[in-house]
Amino acid sequence: MKKELSFITVIGKDKRGIVAKVSDLLYKNNINIEDINQKIMEGLFVMTMLVDISGCRCPIKRLNSSLENIGKKMGLKIQLQHENIFKMMHRV
């Protein structure tokens, strides 16, 4: 199966469980984490994940909504963007 890559970005105040909550949702929906980068800068948690959504068990809109709900509960901004859109928005 061909990979379908997307980026998940997470930004907000650092607290326990952020990676666990997001990765658990991905696991439950058969989404593979291809790459992950996280950093804490002056108490601000910043994470970018490259994920393969080709095997996703739910509609992408529902996945996006679930990620946003995690963000709301944890006081974070979480976005899901297809790789092509992410690259177009972040090109130099």
PDB file of N, CA and C in Angstrom:
ATOM      1  N   MET A   1       0.851  -1.183   0.000  1.00  0.00           N
ATOM      2  CA  MET A   1       0.000   0.000   0.000  1.00  0.00           C
ATOM      3  C   MET A   1       0.895   1.243   0.000  1.00  0.00           C
ATOM      4  N   LYS A   2       0.552   2.213  -0.820  1.00  0.00           N
ATOM      5  CA  LYS A   2       1.302   3.453  -0.900  1.00  0.00           C
ATOM      6  C   LYS A   2       1.024   4.318   0.335  1.00  0.00           C
ATOM      7  N   LYS A   3       2.077   4.942   0.836  1.00  0.00           N
ATOM      8  CA  LYS A   3       1.915   5.805   2.010  1.00  0.00           C
ATOM      9  C   LYS A   3       1.181   7.087   1.637  1.00  0.00           C
ATOM     10  N   GLU A   4       0.390   7.566   2.582  1.00  0.00           N
ATOM     11  CA  GLU A   4      -0.265   8.864   2.464  1.00  0.00           C
ATOM     12  C   GLU A   4       0.135   9.652   3.705  1.00  0.00           C
ATOM     13  N   LEU A   5       1.053  10.580   3.509  1.00  0.00           N
ATOM     14  CA  LEU A   5       1.655  11.265   4.645  1.00  0.00           C
ATOM     15  C   LEU A   5       0.938  12.557   4.995  1.00  0.00           C
ATOM     16  N   SER A   6       0.872  12.813   6.290  1.00  0.00           N
ATOM     17  CA  SER A   6       0.304  14.047   6.825  1.00  0.00           C
ATOM     18  C   SER A   6       1.150  14.491   8.006  1.00  0.00           C
ATOM     19  N   PHE A   7       1.041  15.761   8.331  1.00  0.00           N
ATOM     20  CA  PHE A   7       1.740  16.326   9.479  1.00  0.00           C
ATOM     21  C   PHE A   7       0.741  16.655  10.574  1.00  0.00           C
ATOM     22  N   ILE A   8       1.129  16.350  11.792  1.00  0.00           N
ATOM     23  CA  ILE A   8       0.370  16.765  12.969  1.00  0.00           C
ATOM     24  C   ILE A   8       1.275  17.711  13.743  1.00  0.00           C
ATOM     25  N   THR A   9       0.781  18.895  14.031  1.00  0.00           N
ATOM     26  CA  THR A   9       1.541  19.846  14.842  1.00  0.00           C
ATOM     27  C   THR A   9       0.791  20.086  16.144  1.00  0.00           C
ATOM     28  N   VAL A  10       1.555  20.151  17.221  1.00  0.00           N
ATOM     29  CA  VAL A  10       0.992  20.347  18.553  1.00  0.00           C
ATOM     30  C   VAL A  10       1.784  21.471  19.228  1.00  0.00           C
ATOM     31  N   ILE A  11       1.075  22.468  19.727  1.00  0.00           N
ATOM     32  CA  ILE A  11       1.716  23.587  20.420  1.00  0.00           C
ATOM     33  C   ILE A  11       0.891  23.944  21.646  1.00  0.00           C
ATOM     34  N   GLY A  12       1.577  24.152  22.760  1.00  0.00           N
ATOM     35  CA  GLY A  12       0.882  24.577  23.972  1.00  0.00           C
ATOM     36  C   GLY A  12       1.756  24.427  25.190  1.00  0.00           C
ATOM     37  N   LYS A  13       1.198  24.766  26.335  1.00  0.00           N
ATOM     38  CA  LYS A  13       1.923  24.659  27.589  1.00  0.00           C
ATOM     39  C   LYS A  13       2.294  23.204  27.857  1.00  0.00           C
ATOM     40  N   ASP A  14       3.537  22.971  28.245  1.00  0.00           N
ATOM     41  CA  ASP A  14       4.010  21.615  28.495  1.00  0.00           C
ATOM     42  C   ASP A  14       3.304  21.011  29.702  1.00  0.00           C
ATOM     43  N   LYS A  15       2.919  19.735  29.542  1.00  0.00           N
ATOM     44  CA  LYS A  15       2.313  18.973  30.638  1.00  0.00           C
ATOM     45  C   LYS A  15       2.475  17.499  30.331  1.00  0.00           C
ATOM     46  N   ARG A  16       2.318  16.688  31.334  1.00  0.00           N
ATOM     47  CA  ARG A  16       2.426  15.235  31.147  1.00  0.00           C
ATOM     48  C   ARG A  16       1.308  14.705  30.263  1.00  0.00           C
ATOM     49  N   GLY A  17       1.640  13.701  29.450  1.00  0.00           N
ATOM     50  CA  GLY A  17       0.624  12.965  28.716  1.00  0.00           C
ATOM     51  C   GLY A  17       0.327  13.427  27.303  1.00  0.00           C
ATOM     52  N   ILE A  18       0.966  14.480  26.833  1.00  0.00           N
ATOM     53  CA  ILE A  18       0.652  14.982  25.489  1.00  0.00           C
ATOM     54  C   ILE A  18       0.978  13.932  24.434  1.00  0.00           C
ATOM     55  N   VAL A  19       2.205  13.445  24.445  1.00  0.00           N
ATOM     56  CA  VAL A  19       2.617  12.452  23.448  1.00  0.00           C
ATOM     57  C   VAL A  19       1.774  11.187  23.587  1.00  0.00           C
ATOM     58  N   ALA A  20       1.506  10.780  24.810  1.00  0.00           N
ATOM     59  CA  ALA A  20       0.716   9.572  25.051  1.00  0.00           C
ATOM     60  C   ALA A  20      -0.691   9.693  24.472  1.00  0.00           C
ATOM     61  N   LYS A  21      -1.356  10.811  24.710  1.00  0.00           N
ATOM     62  CA  LYS A  21      -2.732  10.995  24.229  1.00  0.00           C
ATOM     63  C   LYS A  21      -2.794  10.988  22.705  1.00  0.00           C
ATOM     64  N   VAL A  22      -1.886  11.733  22.078  1.00  0.00           N
ATOM     65  CA  VAL A  22      -1.900  11.823  20.615  1.00  0.00           C
ATOM     66  C   VAL A  22      -1.519  10.479  19.999  1.00  0.00           C
ATOM     67  N   SER A  23      -0.457   9.866  20.484  1.00  0.00           N
ATOM     68  CA  SER A  23      -0.020   8.595  19.901  1.00  0.00           C
ATOM     69  C   SER A  23      -1.033   7.477  20.150  1.00  0.00           C
ATOM     70  N   ASP A  24      -1.746   7.501  21.271  1.00  0.00           N
ATOM     71  CA  ASP A  24      -2.787   6.506  21.537  1.00  0.00           C
ATOM     72  C   ASP A  24      -3.917   6.618  20.512  1.00  0.00           C
ATOM     73  N   LEU A  25      -4.330   7.829  20.212  1.00  0.00           N
ATOM     74  CA  LEU A  25      -5.370   8.041  19.198  1.00  0.00           C
ATOM     75  C   LEU A  25      -4.905   7.517  17.841  1.00  0.00           C
ATOM     76  N   LEU A  26      -3.657   7.804  17.499  1.00  0.00           N
ATOM     77  CA  LEU A  26      -3.120   7.335  16.223  1.00  0.00           C
ATOM     78  C   LEU A  26      -3.088   5.815  16.181  1.00  0.00           C
ATOM     79  N   TYR A  27      -2.624   5.201  17.252  1.00  0.00           N
ATOM     80  CA  TYR A  27      -2.556   3.734  17.338  1.00  0.00           C
ATOM     81  C   TYR A  27      -3.949   3.110  17.146  1.00  0.00           C
ATOM     82  N   LYS A  28      -4.931   3.661  17.833  1.00  0.00           N
ATOM     83  CA  LYS A  28      -6.290   3.110  17.767  1.00  0.00           C
ATOM     84  C   LYS A  28      -6.899   3.232  16.371  1.00  0.00           C
ATOM     85  N   ASN A  29      -6.364   4.148  15.558  1.00  0.00           N
ATOM     86  CA  ASN A  29      -6.884   4.351  14.209  1.00  0.00           C
ATOM     87  C   ASN A  29      -5.950   3.829  13.127  1.00  0.00           C
ATOM     88  N   ASN A  30      -4.988   2.977  13.531  1.00  0.00           N
ATOM     89  CA  ASN A  30      -4.087   2.317  12.583  1.00  0.00           C
ATOM     90  C   ASN A  30      -3.238   3.306  11.788  1.00  0.00           C
ATOM     91  N   ILE A  31      -2.783   4.350  12.449  1.00  0.00           N
ATOM     92  CA  ILE A  31      -1.944   5.374  11.822  1.00  0.00           C
ATOM     93  C   ILE A  31      -0.529   5.209  12.354  1.00  0.00           C
ATOM     94  N   ASN A  32       0.423   5.136  11.423  1.00  0.00           N
ATOM     95  CA  ASN A  32       1.815   4.923  11.800  1.00  0.00           C
ATOM     96  C   ASN A  32       2.556   6.252  11.908  1.00  0.00           C
ATOM     97  N   ILE A  33       3.344   6.412  12.968  1.00  0.00           N
ATOM     98  CA  ILE A  33       4.203   7.587  13.124  1.00  0.00           C
ATOM     99  C   ILE A  33       5.492   7.303  12.362  1.00  0.00           C
ATOM    100  N   GLU A  34       5.751   8.085  11.331  1.00  0.00           N
ATOM    101  CA  GLU A  34       6.941   7.934  10.501  1.00  0.00           C
ATOM    102  C   GLU A  34       8.122   8.701  11.088  1.00  0.00           C
ATOM    103  N   ASP A  35       7.848   9.842  11.668  1.00  0.00           N
ATOM    104  CA  ASP A  35       8.898  10.681  12.252  1.00  0.00           C
ATOM    105  C   ASP A  35       8.245  11.581  13.300  1.00  0.00           C
ATOM    106  N   ILE A  36       9.018  11.924  14.318  1.00  0.00           N
ATOM    107  CA  ILE A  36       8.498  12.791  15.377  1.00  0.00           C
ATOM    108  C   ILE A  36       9.625  13.700  15.861  1.00  0.00           C
ATOM    109  N   ASN A  37       9.270  14.935  16.111  1.00  0.00           N
ATOM    110  CA  ASN A  37      10.217  15.912  16.627  1.00  0.00           C
ATOM    111  C   ASN A  37       9.484  16.717  17.695  1.00  0.00           C
ATOM    112  N   GLN A  38      10.067  16.794  18.865  1.00  0.00           N
ATOM    113  CA  GLN A  38       9.440  17.581  19.925  1.00  0.00           C
ATOM    114  C   GLN A  38      10.493  18.370  20.668  1.00  0.00           C
ATOM    115  N   LYS A  39      10.043  19.483  21.213  1.00  0.00           N
ATOM    116  CA  LYS A  39      10.952  20.356  21.934  1.00  0.00           C
ATOM    117  C   LYS A  39      10.141  21.142  22.954  1.00  0.00           C
ATOM    118  N   ILE A  40      10.771  21.473  24.039  1.00  0.00           N
ATOM    119  CA  ILE A  40      10.148  22.345  25.032  1.00  0.00           C
ATOM    120  C   ILE A  40      10.989  23.606  25.087  1.00  0.00           C
ATOM    121  N   MET A  41      10.356  24.729  24.775  1.00  0.00           N
ATOM    122  CA  MET A  41      11.043  26.013  24.754  1.00  0.00           C
ATOM    123  C   MET A  41      10.371  26.950  25.748  1.00  0.00           C
ATOM    124  N   GLU A  42      11.090  27.234  26.834  1.00  0.00           N
ATOM    125  CA  GLU A  42      10.575  28.132  27.874  1.00  0.00           C
ATOM    126  C   GLU A  42       9.176  27.718  28.332  1.00  0.00           C
ATOM    127  N   GLY A  43       8.978  26.421  28.551  1.00  0.00           N
ATOM    128  CA  GLY A  43       7.708  25.908  29.049  1.00  0.00           C
ATOM    129  C   GLY A  43       6.663  25.659  27.981  1.00  0.00           C
ATOM    130  N   LEU A  44       6.989  25.955  26.721  1.00  0.00           N
ATOM    131  CA  LEU A  44       6.055  25.751  25.617  1.00  0.00           C
ATOM    132  C   LEU A  44       6.422  24.460  24.892  1.00  0.00           C
ATOM    133  N   PHE A  45       5.473  23.543  24.801  1.00  0.00           N
ATOM    134  CA  PHE A  45       5.670  22.266  24.143  1.00  0.00           C
ATOM    135  C   PHE A  45       5.382  22.431  22.658  1.00  0.00           C
ATOM    136  N   VAL A  46       6.314  21.977  21.812  1.00  0.00           N
ATOM    137  CA  VAL A  46       6.156  22.050  20.359  1.00  0.00           C
ATOM    138  C   VAL A  46       6.490  20.673  19.790  1.00  0.00           C
ATOM    139  N   MET A  47       5.559  20.083  19.063  1.00  0.00           N
ATOM    140  CA  MET A  47       5.791  18.761  18.476  1.00  0.00           C
ATOM    141  C   MET A  47       5.277  18.733  17.040  1.00  0.00           C
ATOM    142  N   THR A  48       6.055  18.097  16.180  1.00  0.00           N
ATOM    143  CA  THR A  48       5.642  17.840  14.811  1.00  0.00           C
ATOM    144  C   THR A  48       5.775  16.349  14.562  1.00  0.00           C
ATOM    145  N   MET A  49       4.725  15.750  14.039  1.00  0.00           N
ATOM    146  CA  MET A  49       4.735  14.329  13.703  1.00  0.00           C
ATOM    147  C   MET A  49       4.446  14.184  12.211  1.00  0.00           C
ATOM    148  N   LEU A  50       5.205  13.321  11.568  1.00  0.00           N
ATOM    149  CA  LEU A  50       4.906  12.923  10.206  1.00  0.00           C
ATOM    150  C   LEU A  50       4.254  11.553  10.319  1.00  0.00           C
ATOM    151  N   VAL A  51       3.026  11.429   9.846  1.00  0.00           N
ATOM    152  CA  VAL A  51       2.273  10.188  10.021  1.00  0.00           C
ATOM    153  C   VAL A  51       1.767   9.664   8.683  1.00  0.00           C
ATOM    154  N   ASP A  52       1.639   8.345   8.610  1.00  0.00           N
ATOM    155  CA  ASP A  52       1.084   7.687   7.434  1.00  0.00           C
ATOM    156  C   ASP A  52      -0.381   7.363   7.730  1.00  0.00           C
ATOM    157  N   ILE A  53      -1.285   8.036   7.022  1.00  0.00           N
ATOM    158  CA  ILE A  53      -2.716   7.869   7.273  1.00  0.00           C
ATOM    159  C   ILE A  53      -3.369   6.895   6.282  1.00  0.00           C
ATOM    160  N   SER A  54      -2.557   6.204   5.468  1.00  0.00           N
ATOM    161  CA  SER A  54      -3.123   5.328   4.437  1.00  0.00           C
ATOM    162  C   SER A  54      -3.974   4.198   5.021  1.00  0.00           C
ATOM    163  N   GLY A  55      -3.698   3.768   6.242  1.00  0.00           N
ATOM    164  CA  GLY A  55      -4.477   2.702   6.861  1.00  0.00           C
ATOM    165  C   GLY A  55      -5.486   3.197   7.875  1.00  0.00           C
ATOM    166  N   CYS A  56      -5.756   4.487   7.872  1.00  0.00           N
ATOM    167  CA  CYS A  56      -6.644   5.085   8.878  1.00  0.00           C
ATOM    168  C   CYS A  56      -8.014   4.416   8.870  1.00  0.00           C
ATOM    169  N   ARG A  57      -8.508   4.111  10.065  1.00  0.00           N
ATOM    170  CA  ARG A  57      -9.783   3.396  10.236  1.00  0.00           C
ATOM    171  C   ARG A  57     -10.992   4.324  10.340  1.00  0.00           C
ATOM    172  N   CYS A  58     -10.769   5.621  10.243  1.00  0.00           N
ATOM    173  CA  CYS A  58     -11.893   6.549  10.353  1.00  0.00           C
ATOM    174  C   CYS A  58     -11.742   7.638   9.292  1.00  0.00           C
ATOM    175  N   PRO A  59     -12.822   8.345   8.991  1.00  0.00           N
ATOM    176  CA  PRO A  59     -12.714   9.460   8.056  1.00  0.00           C
ATOM    177  C   PRO A  59     -11.738  10.517   8.601  1.00  0.00           C
ATOM    178  N   ILE A  60     -11.024  11.162   7.723  1.00  0.00           N
ATOM    179  CA  ILE A  60     -10.024  12.154   8.127  1.00  0.00           C
ATOM    180  C   ILE A  60     -10.674  13.296   8.914  1.00  0.00           C
ATOM    181  N   LYS A  61     -11.879  13.677   8.557  1.00  0.00           N
ATOM    182  CA  LYS A  61     -12.567  14.737   9.305  1.00  0.00           C
ATOM    183  C   LYS A  61     -12.765  14.328  10.763  1.00  0.00           C
ATOM    184  N   ARG A  62     -13.096  13.057  10.986  1.00  0.00           N
ATOM    185  CA  ARG A  62     -13.284  12.588  12.361  1.00  0.00           C
ATOM    186  C   ARG A  62     -11.952  12.541  13.101  1.00  0.00           C
ATOM    187  N   LEU A  63     -10.903  12.106  12.411  1.00  0.00           N
ATOM    188  CA  LEU A  63      -9.571  12.106  13.014  1.00  0.00           C
ATOM    189  C   LEU A  63      -9.173  13.518  13.414  1.00  0.00           C
ATOM    190  N   ASN A  64      -9.376  14.466  12.510  1.00  0.00           N
ATOM    191  CA  ASN A  64      -9.043  15.861  12.804  1.00  0.00           C
ATOM    192  C   ASN A  64      -9.848  16.365  13.997  1.00  0.00           C
ATOM    193  N   SER A  65     -11.121  16.044  14.037  1.00  0.00           N
ATOM    194  CA  SER A  65     -11.978  16.451  15.150  1.00  0.00           C
ATOM    195  C   SER A  65     -11.498  15.833  16.467  1.00  0.00           C
ATOM    196  N   SER A  66     -11.105  14.569  16.435  1.00  0.00           N
ATOM    197  CA  SER A  66     -10.599  13.898  17.643  1.00  0.00           C
ATOM    198  C   SER A  66      -9.310  14.544  18.135  1.00  0.00           C
ATOM    199  N   LEU A  67      -8.436  14.900  17.202  1.00  0.00           N
ATOM    200  CA  LEU A  67      -7.192  15.594  17.590  1.00  0.00           C
ATOM    201  C   LEU A  67      -7.504  16.960  18.205  1.00  0.00           C
ATOM    202  N   GLU A  68      -8.431  17.688  17.589  1.00  0.00           N
ATOM    203  CA  GLU A  68      -8.826  19.000  18.125  1.00  0.00           C
ATOM    204  C   GLU A  68      -9.428  18.857  19.522  1.00  0.00           C
ATOM    205  N   ASN A  69     -10.212  17.797  19.755  1.00  0.00           N
ATOM    206  CA  ASN A  69     -10.802  17.569  21.078  1.00  0.00           C
ATOM    207  C   ASN A  69      -9.726  17.302  22.128  1.00  0.00           C
ATOM    208  N   ILE A  70      -8.715  16.530  21.771  1.00  0.00           N
ATOM    209  CA  ILE A  70      -7.585  16.325  22.691  1.00  0.00           C
ATOM    210  C   ILE A  70      -6.959  17.672  23.011  1.00  0.00           C
ATOM    211  N   GLY A  71      -6.776  18.482  21.980  1.00  0.00           N
ATOM    212  CA  GLY A  71      -6.189  19.805  22.172  1.00  0.00           C
ATOM    213  C   GLY A  71      -7.010  20.673  23.115  1.00  0.00           C
ATOM    214  N   LYS A  72      -8.317  20.679  22.927  1.00  0.00           N
ATOM    215  CA  LYS A  72      -9.184  21.487  23.790  1.00  0.00           C
ATOM    216  C   LYS A  72      -9.097  21.029  25.244  1.00  0.00           C
ATOM    217  N   LYS A  73      -9.124  19.717  25.453  1.00  0.00           N
ATOM    218  CA  LYS A  73      -9.069  19.183  26.811  1.00  0.00           C
ATOM    219  C   LYS A  73      -7.739  19.469  27.496  1.00  0.00           C
ATOM    220  N   MET A  74      -6.664  19.543  26.697  1.00  0.00           N
ATOM    221  CA  MET A  74      -5.331  19.720  27.284  1.00  0.00           C
ATOM    222  C   MET A  74      -4.797  21.151  27.134  1.00  0.00           C
ATOM    223  N   GLY A  75      -5.601  22.039  26.553  1.00  0.00           N
ATOM    224  CA  GLY A  75      -5.165  23.419  26.370  1.00  0.00           C
ATOM    225  C   GLY A  75      -4.082  23.561  25.309  1.00  0.00           C
ATOM    226  N   LEU A  76      -4.208  22.801  24.216  1.00  0.00           N
ATOM    227  CA  LEU A  76      -3.212  22.789  23.153  1.00  0.00           C
ATOM    228  C   LEU A  76      -3.860  23.147  21.821  1.00  0.00           C
ATOM    229  N   LYS A  77      -3.025  23.553  20.883  1.00  0.00           N
ATOM    230  CA  LYS A  77      -3.469  23.744  19.499  1.00  0.00           C
ATOM    231  C   LYS A  77      -2.908  22.560  18.711  1.00  0.00           C
ATOM    232  N   ILE A  78      -3.787  21.723  18.155  1.00  0.00           N
ATOM    233  CA  ILE A  78      -3.369  20.552  17.383  1.00  0.00           C
ATOM    234  C   ILE A  78      -3.968  20.665  15.989  1.00  0.00           C
ATOM    235  N   GLN A  79      -3.093  20.537  14.983  1.00  0.00           N
ATOM    236  CA  GLN A  79      -3.528  20.623  13.592  1.00  0.00           C
ATOM    237  C   GLN A  79      -3.076  19.398  12.818  1.00  0.00           C
ATOM    238  N   LEU A  80      -3.906  18.965  11.889  1.00  0.00           N
ATOM    239  CA  LEU A  80      -3.584  17.880  10.970  1.00  0.00           C
ATOM    240  C   LEU A  80      -3.595  18.472   9.567  1.00  0.00           C
ATOM    241  N   GLN A  81      -2.491  18.282   8.844  1.00  0.00           N
ATOM    242  CA  GLN A  81      -2.404  18.789   7.475  1.00  0.00           C
ATOM    243  C   GLN A  81      -1.795  17.722   6.580  1.00  0.00           C
ATOM    244  N   HIS A  82      -2.387  17.533   5.408  1.00  0.00           N
ATOM    245  CA  HIS A  82      -1.811  16.621   4.436  1.00  0.00           C
ATOM    246  C   HIS A  82      -0.426  17.136   4.052  1.00  0.00           C
ATOM    247  N   GLU A  83       0.474  16.227   3.764  1.00  0.00           N
ATOM    248  CA  GLU A  83       1.865  16.574   3.451  1.00  0.00           C
ATOM    249  C   GLU A  83       1.963  17.635   2.354  1.00  0.00           C
ATOM    250  N   ASN A  84       1.174  17.520   1.296  1.00  0.00           N
ATOM    251  CA  ASN A  84       1.257  18.472   0.181  1.00  0.00           C
ATOM    252  C   ASN A  84       0.880  19.883   0.624  1.00  0.00           C
ATOM    253  N   ILE A  85      -0.153  20.003   1.432  1.00  0.00           N
ATOM    254  CA  ILE A  85      -0.576  21.321   1.933  1.00  0.00           C
ATOM    255  C   ILE A  85       0.482  21.882   2.861  1.00  0.00           C
ATOM    256  N   PHE A  86       1.002  21.047   3.769  1.00  0.00           N
ATOM    257  CA  PHE A  86       2.026  21.490   4.708  1.00  0.00           C
ATOM    258  C   PHE A  86       3.252  22.013   3.961  1.00  0.00           C
ATOM    259  N   LYS A  87       3.700  21.289   2.955  1.00  0.00           N
ATOM    260  CA  LYS A  87       4.885  21.697   2.206  1.00  0.00           C
ATOM    261  C   LYS A  87       4.654  23.003   1.458  1.00  0.00           C
ATOM    262  N   MET A  88       3.468  23.169   0.873  1.00  0.00           N
ATOM    263  CA  MET A  88       3.160  24.411   0.157  1.00  0.00           C
ATOM    264  C   MET A  88       3.123  25.613   1.098  1.00  0.00           C
ATOM    265  N   MET A  89       2.605  25.417   2.302  1.00  0.00           N
ATOM    266  CA  MET A  89       2.493  26.526   3.263  1.00  0.00           C
ATOM    267  C   MET A  89       3.839  26.884   3.882  1.00  0.00           C
ATOM    268  N   HIS A  90       4.786  25.933   3.941  1.00  0.00           N
ATOM    269  CA  HIS A  90       6.033  26.154   4.652  1.00  0.00           C
ATOM    270  C   HIS A  90       7.267  26.198   3.742  1.00  0.00           C
ATOM    271  N   ARG A  91       7.050  26.397   2.465  1.00  0.00           N
ATOM    272  CA  ARG A  91       8.206  26.485   1.573  1.00  0.00           C
ATOM    273  C   ARG A  91       8.828  27.874   1.682  1.00  0.00           C
ATOM    274  N   VAL A  92      10.111  27.900   1.428  1.00  0.00           N
ATOM    275  CA  VAL A  92      10.861  29.168   1.563  1.00  0.00           C
ATOM    276  C   VAL A  92      10.993  29.808   0.215  1.00  0.00           C
TER     277      VAL A  92
END
